[in-house]
Amino acid sequence: MVANRARIINAATAMLREHGLSTDMRAIAKEAGVGIGTLYRHFPTREHLVHEITGVDLTRLAASGLPPHLPAIDALRQFFTAALDHLARNRALVDLLASAEVSDTDMEQCVNHLTGIGREAVARSEDDRTLATDVTETDIAYQFLALVRIIQLLPDGRAGDIRHYVNMTLRGIENRQSLTPDPGHRRPGQARIHRAG
């Protein structure tokens, strides 16, 4: 019994992480070398099995936080990129976060954690002024979840693509006035002004 359960979990972990929530339960049973009835004796529903596999990863996400000693926008960039790089290797968790209702217990805990991350970033920005003044903790949580949906749509979750979309998202919430342009830098097509002395 214990050996069967372990085989099911091992097979389900590999298949769900690679193929996502569309993975067929019969395929998992076959990979585990057990009958479908044995699988359902251990996990009465698909949701029970999915929760078994994704619970550890949700716990890891809930334990992550903003890196210290960085301005808010840079801390968010590092947090978003690291968390999404990890999620991209787990299609089932991406599918779960991209499609779950906010009222779902796991999703609610995730949103609460992400809102806490947002609250910390907004508080940090009160000192460093790197976030736009109208950005809220909820905005930050939902921006992360929007990026999860983008990761779901990417064919293979390449790290370069993740960084690209993280940077695009954060440009929308950063305080543009806090950026100090190089006075010698000219935008394309911008002529240098010469004043008569």
Protein backbone atom coordinates (compact mmCIF):
# COMPACT_ATOMS: atom_id res chain seq x y z
CA MET A 1 0.00 0.00 0.00
CA VAL A 2 2.71 2.49 1.00
CA ALA A 3 4.82 1.49 -2.00
CA ASN A 4 1.89 1.99 -4.37
CA ARG A 5 1.20 5.44 -2.94
CA ALA A 6 4.86 6.41 -3.34
CA ARG A 7 4.90 5.20 -6.95
CA ILE A 8 1.73 7.16 -7.72
CA ILE A 9 3.16 10.34 -6.18
CA ASN A 10 6.44 9.97 -8.05
CA ALA A 11 4.71 9.39 -11.38
CA ALA A 12 2.18 12.17 -10.82
CA THR A 13 4.88 14.64 -9.76
CA ALA A 14 6.87 14.11 -12.96
CA MET A 15 3.87 14.09 -15.29
CA LEU A 16 1.92 16.97 -13.74
CA ARG A 17 4.97 19.19 -13.58
CA GLU A 18 5.78 18.50 -17.22
CA HIS A 19 2.30 18.41 -18.77
CA GLY A 20 0.10 20.37 -16.35
CA LEU A 21 -3.42 19.74 -15.13
CA SER A 22 -4.50 18.20 -18.44
CA THR A 23 -2.55 15.04 -17.53
CA ASP A 24 -4.82 12.00 -17.70
CA MET A 25 -5.26 10.04 -14.47
CA ARG A 26 -5.06 6.73 -16.36
CA ALA A 27 -1.70 7.80 -17.79
CA ILE A 28 -0.45 8.51 -14.27
CA ALA A 29 -1.66 5.10 -13.07
CA LYS A 30 0.04 3.40 -16.02
CA GLU A 31 3.30 5.26 -15.38
CA ALA A 32 3.12 4.27 -11.71
CA GLY A 33 2.50 0.63 -12.61
CA VAL A 34 -0.83 0.44 -10.78
CA GLY A 35 -4.44 0.09 -11.81
CA ILE A 36 -6.73 3.11 -11.97
CA GLY A 37 -8.74 1.69 -9.06
CA THR A 38 -5.60 1.61 -6.90
CA LEU A 39 -4.87 5.23 -7.78
CA TYR A 40 -8.39 6.31 -6.77
CA ARG A 41 -8.18 4.36 -3.51
CA HIS A 42 -5.22 6.52 -2.52
CA PHE A 43 -6.52 9.74 -4.12
CA PRO A 44 -10.34 9.74 -4.43
CA THR A 45 -10.38 12.71 -6.83
CA ARG A 46 -8.02 14.46 -9.23
CA GLU A 47 -8.06 17.43 -6.83
CA HIS A 48 -6.67 15.27 -3.99
CA LEU A 49 -3.77 14.15 -6.16
CA VAL A 50 -3.08 17.62 -7.57
CA HIS A 51 -3.07 19.10 -4.06
CA GLU A 52 -0.60 16.43 -2.94
CA ILE A 53 1.76 17.39 -5.75
CA THR A 54 1.35 21.17 -5.76
CA GLY A 55 1.06 21.69 -2.01
CA VAL A 56 4.82 21.53 -1.46
CA ASP A 57 5.43 24.08 -4.19
CA LEU A 58 2.73 26.41 -2.87
CA THR A 59 4.35 26.19 0.55
CA ARG A 60 7.70 27.11 -0.98
CA LEU A 61 6.14 30.10 -2.74
CA ALA A 62 4.46 31.17 0.50
CA ALA A 63 7.82 31.03 2.29
CA SER A 64 9.57 33.28 -0.22
CA GLY A 65 9.89 37.01 0.30
CA LEU A 66 11.43 40.20 -0.98
CA PRO A 67 15.22 40.21 -0.90
CA PRO A 68 16.49 42.68 1.71
CA HIS A 69 18.56 45.82 1.17
CA LEU A 70 17.23 46.58 -2.32
CA PRO A 71 14.97 49.38 -3.55
CA ALA A 72 11.36 48.25 -3.89
CA ILE A 73 11.36 48.00 -7.69
CA ASP A 74 14.62 46.01 -7.78
CA ALA A 75 13.45 43.72 -4.97
CA LEU A 76 10.21 43.03 -6.86
CA ARG A 77 12.15 42.33 -10.06
CA GLN A 78 14.32 39.79 -8.25
CA PHE A 79 11.36 38.19 -6.45
CA PHE A 80 9.14 38.02 -9.54
CA THR A 81 11.91 36.58 -11.73
CA ALA A 82 13.02 33.91 -9.25
CA ALA A 83 9.48 32.83 -8.37
CA LEU A 84 8.35 32.68 -11.99
CA ASP A 85 11.49 30.80 -13.09
CA HIS A 86 10.60 28.19 -10.47
CA LEU A 87 6.92 28.11 -11.47
CA ALA A 88 7.78 27.67 -15.14
CA ARG A 89 9.19 24.24 -14.29
CA ASN A 90 5.87 23.16 -12.79
CA ARG A 91 3.08 23.33 -15.35
CA ALA A 92 0.48 21.98 -12.92
CA LEU A 93 1.09 24.79 -10.44
CA VAL A 94 1.04 27.37 -13.24
CA ASP A 95 -2.27 25.93 -14.47
CA LEU A 96 -3.64 25.97 -10.93
CA LEU A 97 -2.67 29.58 -10.20
CA ALA A 98 -3.78 30.80 -13.63
CA SER A 99 -7.23 29.21 -13.44
CA ALA A 100 -8.18 28.92 -9.76
CA GLU A 101 -10.90 31.05 -8.23
CA VAL A 102 -9.71 33.54 -5.61
CA SER A 103 -12.09 31.83 -3.17
CA ASP A 104 -10.16 28.53 -3.43
CA THR A 105 -8.24 27.94 -0.20
CA ASP A 106 -4.84 27.46 -1.83
CA MET A 107 -5.39 30.41 -4.13
CA GLU A 108 -6.57 32.60 -1.27
CA GLN A 109 -3.43 31.79 0.73
CA CYS A 110 -1.29 32.55 -2.31
CA VAL A 111 -3.01 35.90 -2.93
CA ASN A 112 -2.65 36.79 0.76
CA HIS A 113 1.08 36.06 0.61
CA LEU A 114 1.55 38.03 -2.61
CA THR A 115 -0.42 40.91 -1.11
CA GLY A 116 1.96 40.82 1.85
CA ILE A 117 4.88 41.03 -0.58
CA GLY A 118 3.16 44.01 -2.17
CA ARG A 119 2.59 45.64 1.22
CA GLU A 120 6.30 45.34 2.03
CA ALA A 121 7.29 46.75 -1.37
CA VAL A 122 4.93 49.73 -1.02
CA ALA A 123 6.30 50.43 2.49
CA ARG A 124 9.86 50.22 1.18
CA SER A 125 8.98 52.59 -1.65
CA GLU A 126 7.92 55.24 0.88
CA ASP A 127 11.66 55.66 1.45
CA ASP A 128 13.19 54.94 -1.95
CA ARG A 129 10.33 56.29 -4.14
CA THR A 130 10.87 53.65 -6.83
CA LEU A 131 7.18 52.72 -7.22
CA ALA A 132 4.50 54.96 -8.67
CA THR A 133 2.57 56.66 -5.89
CA ASP A 134 -0.77 55.09 -6.85
CA VAL A 135 0.50 51.48 -6.75
CA THR A 136 -1.15 49.35 -4.05
CA GLU A 137 -0.26 46.03 -2.45
CA THR A 138 -3.15 44.41 -4.32
CA ASP A 139 -1.88 45.79 -7.64
CA ILE A 140 1.43 44.04 -7.04
CA ALA A 141 -0.23 40.71 -6.15
CA TYR A 142 -2.40 40.80 -9.26
CA GLN A 143 0.51 41.80 -11.51
CA PHE A 144 2.31 38.66 -10.35
CA LEU A 145 -0.74 36.50 -11.10
CA ALA A 146 -1.05 38.13 -14.53
CA LEU A 147 2.54 37.11 -15.20
CA VAL A 148 1.67 33.53 -14.16
CA ARG A 149 -0.97 33.55 -16.90
CA ILE A 150 1.66 34.72 -19.40
CA ILE A 151 3.99 31.92 -18.29
CA GLN A 152 1.13 29.49 -18.92
CA LEU A 153 0.92 30.71 -22.52
CA LEU A 154 4.65 30.48 -23.22
CA PRO A 155 5.61 27.26 -25.01
CA ASP A 156 8.55 26.42 -22.77
CA GLY A 157 8.90 29.16 -20.14
CA ARG A 158 12.32 30.32 -21.28
CA ALA A 159 14.17 32.35 -18.66
CA GLY A 160 14.83 35.17 -21.14
CA ASP A 161 11.12 35.46 -21.92
CA ILE A 162 10.28 35.53 -18.21
CA ARG A 163 12.74 38.37 -17.56
CA HIS A 164 11.34 40.26 -20.55
CA TYR A 165 7.76 40.11 -19.28
CA VAL A 166 8.79 40.88 -15.69
CA ASN A 167 10.60 44.00 -16.89
CA MET A 168 7.64 45.08 -19.01
CA THR A 169 5.27 44.63 -16.07
CA LEU A 170 7.45 46.50 -13.61
CA ARG A 171 7.91 49.42 -15.98
CA GLY A 172 4.17 49.95 -15.59
CA ILE A 173 4.37 50.37 -11.80
CA GLU A 174 7.71 52.07 -11.28
CA ASN A 175 8.04 55.75 -10.48
CA ARG A 176 9.35 57.16 -13.74
CA GLN A 177 10.23 60.46 -12.05
CA SER A 178 12.72 58.63 -9.82
CA LEU A 179 14.79 57.69 -12.84
CA THR A 180 17.65 60.11 -13.37
CA PRO A 181 18.56 60.26 -17.05
CA ASP A 182 22.13 60.79 -18.16
CA PRO A 183 22.23 64.48 -19.19
CA GLY A 184 24.43 63.60 -22.15
CA HIS A 185 22.00 60.93 -23.39
CA ARG A 186 19.80 61.76 -26.35
CA ARG A 187 16.78 59.76 -27.45
CA PRO A 188 16.77 58.70 -31.13
CA GLY A 189 15.74 61.64 -33.28
CA GLN A 190 16.32 64.15 -30.49
CA ALA A 191 18.59 66.98 -31.58
CA ARG A 192 21.05 68.56 -29.20
CA ILE A 193 20.10 72.19 -28.46
CA HIS A 194 22.81 74.75 -28.93
CA ARG A 195 22.30 78.08 -27.24
CA ALA A 196 23.93 81.19 -28.54
CA GLY A 197 26.39 82.56 -26.02
